[in-house]
C-alpha atoms as a PDB file:
ATOM      1  CA  MET A   1     -11.510 -12.853 -17.245  1.00  0.00           C
ATOM      2  CA  SER A   2      -9.160 -10.043 -18.141  1.00  0.00           C
ATOM      3  CA  GLU A   3     -11.491  -7.265 -16.108  1.00  0.00           C
ATOM      4  CA  VAL A   4      -9.754  -5.867 -12.863  1.00  0.00           C
ATOM      5  CA  LEU A   5     -11.285  -3.218 -10.596  1.00  0.00           C
ATOM      6  CA  ILE A   6      -8.768  -1.666  -8.374  1.00  0.00           C
ATOM      7  CA  LEU A   7     -10.791   0.238  -5.555  1.00  0.00           C
ATOM      8  CA  THR A   8      -8.934   2.641  -3.340  1.00  0.00           C
ATOM      9  CA  GLY A   9      -8.903   6.072  -1.459  1.00  0.00           C
ATOM     10  CA  THR A  10      -7.587   6.773   1.918  1.00  0.00           C
ATOM     11  CA  THR A  11      -6.989   5.203   4.847  1.00  0.00           C
ATOM     12  CA  ALA A  12     -10.665   4.881   6.157  1.00  0.00           C
ATOM     13  CA  SER A  13     -12.621   5.018   3.516  1.00  0.00           C
ATOM     14  CA  GLY A  14     -14.135   1.742   3.794  1.00  0.00           C
ATOM     15  CA  LYS A  15     -12.036  -0.127   1.312  1.00  0.00           C
ATOM     16  CA  THR A  16     -11.821  -3.341   2.880  1.00  0.00           C
ATOM     17  CA  ASP A  17     -15.891  -3.513   3.816  1.00  0.00           C
ATOM     18  CA  LEU A  18     -16.925  -2.172   0.362  1.00  0.00           C
ATOM     19  CA  ALA A  19     -14.341  -4.894  -1.201  1.00  0.00           C
ATOM     20  CA  ILE A  20     -15.832  -7.620   0.681  1.00  0.00           C
ATOM     21  CA  ASP A  21     -19.369  -6.888  -0.443  1.00  0.00           C
ATOM     22  CA  LEU A  22     -17.822  -6.495  -4.000  1.00  0.00           C
ATOM     23  CA  ALA A  23     -16.235 -10.086  -4.268  1.00  0.00           C
ATOM     24  CA  ARG A  24     -19.647 -11.676  -2.563  1.00  0.00           C
ATOM     25  CA  GLU A  25     -21.873  -9.526  -5.036  1.00  0.00           C
ATOM     26  CA  PHE A  26     -19.361 -10.321  -8.301  1.00  0.00           C
ATOM     27  CA  ASP A  27     -17.946 -13.924  -7.300  1.00  0.00           C
ATOM     28  CA  ALA A  28     -14.243 -12.048  -7.141  1.00  0.00           C
ATOM     29  CA  GLU A  29     -11.367 -12.064  -5.040  1.00  0.00           C
ATOM     30  CA  ILE A  30      -9.949 -10.289  -3.393  1.00  0.00           C
ATOM     31  CA  VAL A  31      -5.666  -8.856  -4.345  1.00  0.00           C
ATOM     32  CA  GLY A  32      -4.186  -6.581  -1.857  1.00  0.00           C
ATOM     33  CA  ALA A  33      -2.001  -3.591  -2.448  1.00  0.00           C
ATOM     34  CA  ASP A  34      -0.923  -2.504   0.857  1.00  0.00           C
ATOM     35  CA  SER A  35       3.164  -1.900   1.324  1.00  0.00           C
ATOM     36  CA  ARG A  36       2.009  -2.566   5.266  1.00  0.00           C
ATOM     37  CA  GLN A  37      -0.561  -4.930   5.194  1.00  0.00           C
ATOM     38  CA  ILE A  38       1.715  -7.327   3.620  1.00  0.00           C
ATOM     39  CA  TYR A  39       3.909  -8.036   6.277  1.00  0.00           C
ATOM     40  CA  ARG A  40       2.699 -10.783   9.140  1.00  0.00           C
ATOM     41  CA  GLY A  41       1.763  -9.964  12.843  1.00  0.00           C
ATOM     42  CA  MET A  42       0.612  -6.167  12.627  1.00  0.00           C
ATOM     43  CA  PRO A  43      -3.001  -6.797  12.145  1.00  0.00           C
ATOM     44  CA  ILE A  44      -4.027  -4.318  14.802  1.00  0.00           C
ATOM     45  CA  GLY A  45      -1.260  -0.999  13.089  1.00  0.00           C
ATOM     46  CA  THR A  46      -2.080  -1.495   9.299  1.00  0.00           C
ATOM     47  CA  ALA A  47      -6.077  -2.211   9.857  1.00  0.00           C
ATOM     48  CA  ALA A  48      -5.158  -5.544   8.027  1.00  0.00           C
ATOM     49  CA  PRO A  49      -8.310  -7.830   7.131  1.00  0.00           C
ATOM     50  CA  SER A  50      -9.813  -9.457  10.503  1.00  0.00           C
ATOM     51  CA  PRO A  51      -9.712 -12.894  10.850  1.00  0.00           C
ATOM     52  CA  GLU A  52     -13.357 -12.789   9.710  1.00  0.00           C
ATOM     53  CA  GLN A  53     -13.193 -11.166   6.884  1.00  0.00           C
ATOM     54  CA  LEU A  54     -10.152 -13.030   5.402  1.00  0.00           C
ATOM     55  CA  VAL A  55     -12.641 -16.215   6.461  1.00  0.00           C
ATOM     56  CA  GLN A  56     -15.577 -14.347   3.519  1.00  0.00           C
ATOM     57  CA  VAL A  57     -13.549 -13.976   0.659  1.00  0.00           C
ATOM     58  CA  PRO A  58     -10.150 -14.712  -0.241  1.00  0.00           C
ATOM     59  CA  HIS A  59      -7.353 -12.229  -0.337  1.00  0.00           C
ATOM     60  CA  HIS A  60      -4.203 -12.235  -1.162  1.00  0.00           C
ATOM     61  CA  LEU A  61      -0.628 -10.789  -0.666  1.00  0.00           C
ATOM     62  CA  VAL A  62      -2.003  -9.726   2.870  1.00  0.00           C
ATOM     63  CA  GLY A  63       0.222 -11.003   6.031  1.00  0.00           C
ATOM     64  CA  PHE A  64       2.507 -13.424   3.964  1.00  0.00           C
ATOM     65  CA  LEU A  65       5.669 -11.281   4.478  1.00  0.00           C
ATOM     66  CA  ASP A  66       8.333 -11.532   6.877  1.00  0.00           C
ATOM     67  CA  PRO A  67       8.498  -7.685   8.851  1.00  0.00           C
ATOM     68  CA  LEU A  68      12.164  -7.911   8.083  1.00  0.00           C
ATOM     69  CA  GLU A  69      12.297  -8.911   5.013  1.00  0.00           C
ATOM     70  CA  ARG A  70      12.409  -5.926   2.249  1.00  0.00           C
ATOM     71  CA  TYR A  71       9.497  -5.986  -0.805  1.00  0.00           C
ATOM     72  CA  SER A  72       9.937  -3.878  -3.958  1.00  0.00           C
ATOM     73  CA  ALA A  73       7.181  -2.492  -6.070  1.00  0.00           C
ATOM     74  CA  ALA A  74       8.945  -4.454  -8.598  1.00  0.00           C
ATOM     75  CA  ARG A  75       8.016  -7.410  -6.777  1.00  0.00           C
ATOM     76  CA  TYR A  76       4.693  -7.025  -6.182  1.00  0.00           C
ATOM     77  CA  ALA A  77       3.401  -6.072  -9.653  1.00  0.00           C
ATOM     78  CA  SER A  78       4.715  -9.260 -10.574  1.00  0.00           C
ATOM     79  CA  ASP A  79       3.232 -11.242  -7.816  1.00  0.00           C
ATOM     80  CA  ALA A  80       0.019  -9.560  -8.053  1.00  0.00           C
ATOM     81  CA  ILE A  81      -0.062 -10.327 -12.161  1.00  0.00           C
ATOM     82  CA  ALA A  82       0.788 -13.745 -10.770  1.00  0.00           C
ATOM     83  CA  ALA A  83      -2.222 -13.705  -8.276  1.00  0.00           C
ATOM     84  CA  ILE A  84      -4.738 -12.024 -10.987  1.00  0.00           C
ATOM     85  CA  ASP A  85      -3.752 -15.018 -13.281  1.00  0.00           C
ATOM     86  CA  ALA A  86      -4.878 -17.575 -10.283  1.00  0.00           C
ATOM     87  CA  ILE A  87      -8.107 -15.756  -9.991  1.00  0.00           C
ATOM     88  CA  GLY A  88      -8.781 -16.219 -13.599  1.00  0.00           C
ATOM     89  CA  ARG A  89      -8.201 -19.532 -13.838  1.00  0.00           C
ATOM     90  CA  ARG A  90     -10.589 -20.517 -11.389  1.00  0.00           C
ATOM     91  CA  GLY A  91     -12.806 -18.455 -13.099  1.00  0.00           C
ATOM     92  CA  LYS A  92     -13.073 -15.164 -10.018  1.00  0.00           C
ATOM     93  CA  ARG A  93     -12.711 -12.134 -11.042  1.00  0.00           C
ATOM     94  CA  ALA A  94     -10.716  -9.769  -8.970  1.00  0.00           C
ATOM     95  CA  ILE A  95     -10.334  -6.523  -6.883  1.00  0.00           C
ATOM     96  CA  VAL A  96      -7.207  -4.758  -6.223  1.00  0.00           C
ATOM     97  CA  VAL A  97      -7.737  -3.735  -2.770  1.00  0.00           C
ATOM     98  CA  GLY A  98      -5.340  -0.963  -0.530  1.00  0.00           C
ATOM     99  CA  GLY A  99      -3.735   2.322  -0.185  1.00  0.00           C
ATOM    100  CA  THR A 100      -0.470   2.552  -1.437  1.00  0.00           C
ATOM    101  CA  GLY A 101       0.166   4.965  -4.419  1.00  0.00           C
ATOM    102  CA  PHE A 102       2.730   3.346  -5.929  1.00  0.00           C
ATOM    103  CA  TYR A 103       1.673  -0.943  -6.010  1.00  0.00           C
ATOM    104  CA  ILE A 104      -1.148   0.771  -7.910  1.00  0.00           C
ATOM    105  CA  ARG A 105       0.899   2.723 -10.140  1.00  0.00           C
ATOM    106  CA  ALA A 106       3.659  -0.530 -10.936  1.00  0.00           C
ATOM    107  CA  LEU A 107       0.532  -2.813 -10.961  1.00  0.00           C
ATOM    108  CA  ILE A 108      -1.152  -0.844 -14.232  1.00  0.00           C
ATOM    109  CA  GLY A 109       2.729   0.146 -15.309  1.00  0.00           C
ATOM    110  CA  GLY A 110       2.848   3.826 -14.888  1.00  0.00           C
ATOM    111  CA  VAL A 111       6.363   3.722 -14.005  1.00  0.00           C
ATOM    112  CA  THR A 112       9.036   2.239 -15.259  1.00  0.00           C
ATOM    113  CA  LEU A 113      10.485  -0.956 -12.572  1.00  0.00           C
ATOM    114  CA  ALA A 114      13.640  -1.978 -11.558  1.00  0.00           C
ATOM    115  CA  PRO A 115      13.565  -5.526 -10.589  1.00  0.00           C
ATOM    116  CA  GLN A 116      17.401  -5.477 -10.064  1.00  0.00           C
ATOM    117  CA  HIS A 117      18.766  -6.278  -6.718  1.00  0.00           C
ATOM    118  CA  ASP A 118      22.484  -4.954  -5.224  1.00  0.00           C
ATOM    119  CA  GLU A 119      23.201  -6.437  -2.583  1.00  0.00           C
ATOM    120  CA  SER A 120      26.703  -4.686  -1.975  1.00  0.00           C
ATOM    121  CA  LEU A 121      25.120  -1.792  -2.636  1.00  0.00           C
ATOM    122  CA  ARG A 122      22.069  -2.154  -0.291  1.00  0.00           C
ATOM    123  CA  ASP A 123      24.540  -2.907   2.167  1.00  0.00           C
ATOM    124  CA  ARG A 124      26.683   0.545   1.183  1.00  0.00           C
ATOM    125  CA  LEU A 125      23.189   2.286   1.259  1.00  0.00           C
ATOM    126  CA  ALA A 126      22.089   0.622   4.758  1.00  0.00           C
ATOM    127  CA  ARG A 127      25.033   1.998   6.409  1.00  0.00           C
ATOM    128  CA  GLU A 128      24.762   5.584   4.577  1.00  0.00           C
ATOM    129  CA  ALA A 129      21.480   5.715   6.723  1.00  0.00           C
ATOM    130  CA  LEU A 130      22.491   5.340   9.544  1.00  0.00           C
ATOM    131  CA  ILE A 131      25.345   8.348   8.839  1.00  0.00           C
ATOM    132  CA  HIS A 132      23.257  10.862   7.257  1.00  0.00           C
ATOM    133  CA  PRO A 133      20.084  12.302   8.040  1.00  0.00           C
ATOM    134  CA  ALA A 134      16.761  11.071   5.634  1.00  0.00           C
ATOM    135  CA  GLU A 135      17.079  14.976   3.934  1.00  0.00           C
ATOM    136  CA  PHE A 136      20.383  14.516   2.942  1.00  0.00           C
ATOM    137  CA  LEU A 137      19.227  11.192   1.631  1.00  0.00           C
ATOM    138  CA  HIS A 138      16.575  12.504  -0.708  1.00  0.00           C
ATOM    139  CA  GLY A 139      18.630  15.079  -1.417  1.00  0.00           C
ATOM    140  CA  TRP A 140      21.134  12.440  -2.954  1.00  0.00           C
ATOM    141  CA  LEU A 141      18.156  10.952  -4.776  1.00  0.00           C
ATOM    142  CA  GLY A 142      17.078  14.232  -5.866  1.00  0.00           C
ATOM    143  CA  ARG A 143      20.508  14.816  -8.228  1.00  0.00           C
ATOM    144  CA  ARG A 144      19.950  11.536  -9.400  1.00  0.00           C
ATOM    145  CA  ASP A 145      16.065  11.193  -9.574  1.00  0.00           C
ATOM    146  CA  SER A 146      14.672  14.414  -8.973  1.00  0.00           C
ATOM    147  CA  ALA A 147      11.761  12.970 -10.594  1.00  0.00           C
ATOM    148  CA  ARG A 148      11.303   9.893  -8.990  1.00  0.00           C
ATOM    149  CA  ALA A 149      12.364  12.237  -6.185  1.00  0.00           C
ATOM    150  CA  ARG A 150       9.518  14.518  -5.799  1.00  0.00           C
ATOM    151  CA  ALA A 151       7.633  11.591  -5.380  1.00  0.00           C
ATOM    152  CA  LEU A 152       8.712  10.020  -2.490  1.00  0.00           C
ATOM    153  CA  ASN A 153       7.886  11.444   1.010  1.00  0.00           C
ATOM    154  CA  PRO A 154      11.746  12.689   2.883  1.00  0.00           C
ATOM    155  CA  GLY A 155      10.642  10.767   5.454  1.00  0.00           C
ATOM    156  CA  ASP A 156       9.896   8.056   3.980  1.00  0.00           C
ATOM    157  CA  THR A 157      13.575   6.365   4.237  1.00  0.00           C
ATOM    158  CA  TYR A 158      12.877   2.423   3.246  1.00  0.00           C
ATOM    159  CA  ARG A 159      11.309   3.674  -0.860  1.00  0.00           C
ATOM    160  CA  VAL A 160      14.377   6.134  -1.153  1.00  0.00           C
ATOM    161  CA  LEU A 161      16.600   3.921  -0.347  1.00  0.00           C
ATOM    162  CA  ARG A 162      15.639   1.402  -2.769  1.00  0.00           C
ATOM    163  CA  ALA A 163      15.251   4.310  -4.833  1.00  0.00           C
ATOM    164  CA  LEU A 164      18.415   5.017  -4.615  1.00  0.00           C
ATOM    165  CA  GLU A 165      19.690   1.742  -5.567  1.00  0.00           C
ATOM    166  CA  ILE A 166      17.615   1.608  -8.460  1.00  0.00           C
ATOM    167  CA  ALA A 167      18.779   5.307  -9.714  1.00  0.00           C
ATOM    168  CA  LEU A 168      22.710   3.813  -8.313  1.00  0.00           C
ATOM    169  CA  THR A 169      22.552   0.445 -10.494  1.00  0.00           C
ATOM    170  CA  ASP A 170      25.135  -0.479 -13.959  1.00  0.00           C
ATOM    171  CA  PRO A 171      23.009   0.904 -16.553  1.00  0.00           C
ATOM    172  CA  ALA A 172      23.877  -2.524 -18.122  1.00  0.00           C
ATOM    173  CA  ALA A 173      22.778  -4.008 -15.043  1.00  0.00           C
ATOM    174  CA  ARG A 174      18.982  -2.982 -15.346  1.00  0.00           C
ATOM    175  CA  LEU A 175      19.091  -3.634 -19.136  1.00  0.00           C
ATOM    176  CA  ARG A 176      19.571  -7.746 -18.400  1.00  0.00           C
ATOM    177  CA  ASP A 177      16.718  -7.320 -16.154  1.00  0.00           C
ATOM    178  CA  ARG A 178      13.681  -8.746 -17.340  1.00  0.00           C
ATOM    179  CA  PRO A 179      11.128  -5.895 -16.995  1.00  0.00           C
ATOM    180  CA  ALA A 180       7.875  -6.844 -14.637  1.00  0.00           C
ATOM    181  CA  ARG A 181       5.012  -7.763 -15.489  1.00  0.00           C
ATOM    182  CA  THR A 182       2.041  -4.962 -15.306  1.00  0.00           C
ATOM    183  CA  LEU A 183      -1.974  -5.087 -16.755  1.00  0.00           C
ATOM    184  CA  ALA A 184      -0.098  -3.355 -19.368  1.00  0.00           C
ATOM    185  CA  THR A 185       2.045  -5.129 -20.998  1.00  0.00           C
ATOM    186  CA  GLU A 186      -0.880  -8.497 -19.619  1.00  0.00           C
ATOM    187  CA  GLY A 187      -3.366  -7.432 -21.823  1.00  0.00           C
ATOM    188  CA  PHE A 188      -5.897  -6.544 -18.706  1.00  0.00           C
ATOM    189  CA  LYS A 189      -8.505  -3.725 -18.903  1.00  0.00           C
ATOM    190  CA  TRP A 190      -8.866  -2.119 -15.728  1.00  0.00           C
ATOM    191  CA  LEU A 191     -11.169   0.417 -13.529  1.00  0.00           C
ATOM    192  CA  LEU A 192      -8.771   2.286 -11.250  1.00  0.00           C
ATOM    193  CA  LEU A 193     -11.753   3.900  -8.301  1.00  0.00           C
ATOM    194  CA  PHE A 194     -10.728   5.887  -5.618  1.00  0.00           C
ATOM    195  CA  LEU A 195     -13.294   6.240  -2.747  1.00  0.00           C
ATOM    196  CA  ASP A 196     -14.165  10.379  -2.757  1.00  0.00           C
ATOM    197  CA  LEU A 197     -15.484  11.344   0.978  1.00  0.00           C
ATOM    198  CA  PRO A 198     -15.665  14.251   2.706  1.00  0.00           C
ATOM    199  CA  TRP A 199     -13.221  14.948   4.884  1.00  0.00           C
ATOM    200  CA  GLN A 200     -14.774  15.332   8.053  1.00  0.00           C
ATOM    201  CA  THR A 201     -16.342  11.733   7.738  1.00  0.00           C
ATOM    202  CA  ILE A 202     -12.780  10.901   7.252  1.00  0.00           C
ATOM    203  CA  ASP A 203     -11.408  12.518   9.564  1.00  0.00           C
ATOM    204  CA  GLY A 204     -14.568  11.062  12.028  1.00  0.00           C
ATOM    205  CA  ARG A 205     -13.343   7.695  10.791  1.00  0.00           C
ATOM    206  CA  ILE A 206      -9.894   8.483  11.647  1.00  0.00           C
ATOM    207  CA  ALA A 207     -10.558   9.149  15.777  1.00  0.00           C
ATOM    208  CA  ARG A 208     -12.614   6.273  15.251  1.00  0.00           C
ATOM    209  CA  ARG A 209      -9.988   3.390  14.222  1.00  0.00           C
ATOM    210  CA  VAL A 210      -7.518   5.311  16.659  1.00  0.00           C
ATOM    211  CA  GLU A 211     -10.213   4.175  19.873  1.00  0.00           C
ATOM    212  CA  ARG A 212     -10.397   0.727  18.234  1.00  0.00           C
ATOM    213  CA  MET A 213      -6.700   0.235  17.449  1.00  0.00           C
ATOM    214  CA  LEU A 214      -5.972   1.909  21.134  1.00  0.00           C
ATOM    215  CA  ASP A 215      -8.557  -1.078  22.800  1.00  0.00           C
ATOM    216  CA  ALA A 216      -6.970  -3.730  20.320  1.00  0.00           C
ATOM    217  CA  GLY A 217      -3.509  -3.865  21.645  1.00  0.00           C
ATOM    218  CA  LEU A 218      -1.655  -1.069  19.504  1.00  0.00           C
ATOM    219  CA  LEU A 219       0.771  -0.786  22.068  1.00  0.00           C
ATOM    220  CA  GLU A 220       1.086  -4.413  22.517  1.00  0.00           C
ATOM    221  CA  GLU A 221       2.067  -4.914  19.165  1.00  0.00           C
ATOM    222  CA  ALA A 222       4.316  -1.824  19.074  1.00  0.00           C
ATOM    223  CA  GLU A 223       6.331  -3.325  21.531  1.00  0.00           C
ATOM    224  CA  ARG A 224       6.821  -6.894  19.615  1.00  0.00           C
ATOM    225  CA  ILE A 225       7.762  -5.703  16.503  1.00  0.00           C
ATOM    226  CA  ASP A 226      10.951  -5.314  16.031  1.00  0.00           C
ATOM    227  CA  ALA A 227      12.645  -2.197  15.459  1.00  0.00           C
ATOM    228  CA  ALA A 228      15.191  -3.142  12.483  1.00  0.00           C
ATOM    229  CA  ALA A 229      11.365  -4.526  10.479  1.00  0.00           C
ATOM    230  CA  ILE A 230      10.867  -2.435   6.917  1.00  0.00           C
ATOM    231  CA  ALA A 231       7.273  -1.737   8.437  1.00  0.00           C
ATOM    232  CA  ALA A 232       8.375  -0.069  12.078  1.00  0.00           C
ATOM    233  CA  ASN A 233       8.130   3.151  10.282  1.00  0.00           C
ATOM    234  CA  ALA A 234       4.551   2.775   9.516  1.00  0.00           C
ATOM    235  CA  VAL A 235       1.900   5.361  11.070  1.00  0.00           C
ATOM    236  CA  GLY A 236       1.662   4.322  14.547  1.00  0.00           C
ATOM    237  CA  TYR A 237       3.976   2.419  15.853  1.00  0.00           C
ATOM    238  CA  PRO A 238       6.746   5.333  16.046  1.00  0.00           C
ATOM    239  CA  GLN A 239       3.882   7.516  18.270  1.00  0.00           C
ATOM    240  CA  ALA A 240       3.247   3.502  19.848  1.00  0.00           C
ATOM    241  CA  CYS A 241       6.759   3.562  21.432  1.00  0.00           C
ATOM    242  CA  ALA A 242       7.492   7.115  22.231  1.00  0.00           C
ATOM    243  CA  TYR A 243       4.765   6.694  24.794  1.00  0.00           C
ATOM    244  CA  ALA A 244       6.554   3.219  26.011  1.00  0.00           C
ATOM    245  CA  ARG A 245       9.820   4.956  26.294  1.00  0.00           C
ATOM    246  CA  GLY A 246       7.733   7.702  28.249  1.00  0.00           C
ATOM    247  CA  TRP A 247       7.625  10.341  25.733  1.00  0.00           C
ATOM    248  CA  CYS A 248       3.959  11.612  25.495  1.00  0.00           C
ATOM    249  CA  THR A 249       1.290  11.037  27.891  1.00  0.00           C
ATOM    250  CA  TYR A 250      -1.880   8.234  26.507  1.00  0.00           C
ATOM    251  CA  SER A 251      -3.737  11.550  25.383  1.00  0.00           C
ATOM    252  CA  GLU A 252      -0.557  12.961  23.923  1.00  0.00           C
ATOM    253  CA  LEU A 253      -0.232  10.017  22.307  1.00  0.00           C
ATOM    254  CA  ARG A 254      -4.128   9.954  20.705  1.00  0.00           C
ATOM    255  CA  VAL A 255      -3.627  12.803  19.479  1.00  0.00           C
ATOM    256  CA  SER A 256      -0.932  11.805  17.794  1.00  0.00           C
ATOM    257  CA  LEU A 257      -1.658   8.874  16.161  1.00  0.00           C
ATOM    258  CA  GLU A 258      -4.875  10.742  14.690  1.00  0.00           C
ATOM    259  CA  ARG A 259      -2.411  14.003  13.363  1.00  0.00           C
ATOM    260  CA  ALA A 260      -0.242  11.149  11.905  1.00  0.00           C
ATOM    261  CA  THR A 261      -2.792   8.994   9.949  1.00  0.00           C
ATOM    262  CA  ARG A 262      -4.972  12.257   9.811  1.00  0.00           C
ATOM    263  CA  ARG A 263      -1.300  13.768   7.075  1.00  0.00           C
ATOM    264  CA  TYR A 264      -1.148  10.033   5.828  1.00  0.00           C
ATOM    265  CA  ALA A 265      -4.606  10.330   4.381  1.00  0.00           C
ATOM    266  CA  ARG A 266      -3.941  13.241   2.337  1.00  0.00           C
ATOM    267  CA  ARG A 267      -0.880  12.269   1.363  1.00  0.00           C
ATOM    268  CA  GLN A 268      -2.548   9.304  -0.280  1.00  0.00           C
ATOM    269  CA  ARG A 269      -5.647  12.063  -1.364  1.00  0.00           C
ATOM    270  CA  ALA A 270      -2.712  14.017  -3.114  1.00  0.00           C
ATOM    271  CA  TRP A 271      -1.255  10.608  -4.874  1.00  0.00           C
ATOM    272  CA  PHE A 272      -4.343   9.769  -6.044  1.00  0.00           C
ATOM    273  CA  ARG A 273      -5.106  13.935  -7.649  1.00  0.00           C
ATOM    274  CA  ASN A 274      -2.015  13.329  -9.975  1.00  0.00           C
ATOM    275  CA  GLU A 275      -2.582   9.875 -10.899  1.00  0.00           C
ATOM    276  CA  PRO A 276      -3.928   9.153 -14.135  1.00  0.00           C
ATOM    277  CA  GLY A 277      -6.511   7.190 -15.377  1.00  0.00           C
ATOM    278  CA  THR A 278      -7.832   8.079 -11.811  1.00  0.00           C
ATOM    279  CA  GLN A 279     -11.995   8.249 -11.398  1.00  0.00           C
ATOM    280  CA  TRP A 280     -13.284   9.778  -8.103  1.00  0.00           C
ATOM    281  CA  ILE A 281     -16.202   8.334  -7.261  1.00  0.00           C
ATOM    282  CA  ALA A 282     -18.420   7.950  -3.962  1.00  0.00           C
ATOM    283  CA  PRO A 283     -19.046   4.537  -2.515  1.00  0.00           C
ATOM    284  CA  ASP A 284     -22.631   4.329  -3.186  1.00  0.00           C
ATOM    285  CA  PHE A 285     -22.074   4.513  -6.986  1.00  0.00           C
ATOM    286  CA  VAL A 286     -18.746   1.260  -7.350  1.00  0.00           C
ATOM    287  CA  ARG A 287     -21.282  -1.514  -8.337  1.00  0.00           C
ATOM    288  CA  SER A 288     -22.534   0.937 -11.072  1.00  0.00           C
ATOM    289  CA  ALA A 289     -19.534   1.661 -12.165  1.00  0.00           C
ATOM    290  CA  ALA A 290     -18.040  -2.157 -11.962  1.00  0.00           C
ATOM    291  CA  ARG A 291     -21.450  -2.668 -14.096  1.00  0.00           C
ATOM    292  CA  GLU A 292     -21.099  -0.635 -16.900  1.00  0.00           C
ATOM    293  CA  LYS A 293     -17.416   0.258 -17.159  1.00  0.00           C
ATOM    294  CA  LEU A 294     -16.129  -3.524 -16.768  1.00  0.00           C
ATOM    295  CA  GLY A 295     -19.188  -5.457 -17.461  1.00  0.00           C
ATOM    296  CA  TRP A 296     -20.043  -7.389 -14.677  1.00  0.00           C
ATOM    297  CA  LEU A 297     -22.786  -9.319 -13.203  1.00  0.00           C
ATOM    298  CA  SER A 298     -23.750 -10.023  -9.957  1.00  0.00           C
ATOM    299  CA  LYS A 299     -24.009 -13.206  -9.327  1.00  0.00           C
ATOM    300  CA  ARG A 300     -26.779 -13.697  -6.969  1.00  0.00           C
ATOM    301  CA  ALA A 301     -28.313 -11.715 -11.067  1.00  0.00           C
END
């Protein structure tokens, strides 16, 4: 099957539950598009699908990577296409679900990807990151690739370093690399839907999510995560570690978690406001959009 539904939205917008309902209705499997949920051992802080949800519908690219392993958007696009191909061979449909805008842009084919890796350059940049602040690294990227720098949060050191690695790589080496597979290169039809909910609703859900995460053991999970882990800077973990070190009270922890999550949700919304082809839609209308625009029929019918 050559149609792919891409379901995105801010954190706490209900993507996971809705995607599972859609997958059961349309006989589909889910492919994750979250740069933190790809890592093992971090289900609480990343709000990954629960074990109960994972058994309801097959999930791909969720909880499969060691937290110390680096992962690029080019590799994500390639892995996601491979998963979508396998799903199609089983006669199923594919629903891509997640809130990482750059992963989704890479999958669609809306950005030039560089799959190459230069270990010596990567080691050099890692040393630079130990010496210089994040603002310096982001400024360096801005001088080499201003468009990519504008698309990145200056504090996202991992992605800034990866972008620098790409920008500084020998152009001749880039030409030798095979382009990454994307929905565009593979001839897939896709529908990109962003769940549009009022901020009041999102903020209320974020407050309840923070409470559930703390009750579920976010503090203990944060203590288990290696400080060198790629995802250790994901929203929730720095705040939990600050509390563990005695830098804030429990009530201050809750406030900082909610504030950081709300800021992240606003960055996600701003990203997709500028993402070509994104259709903003109320959750209640997603089913009809899949039927009308992709021609999907419910297996219940």
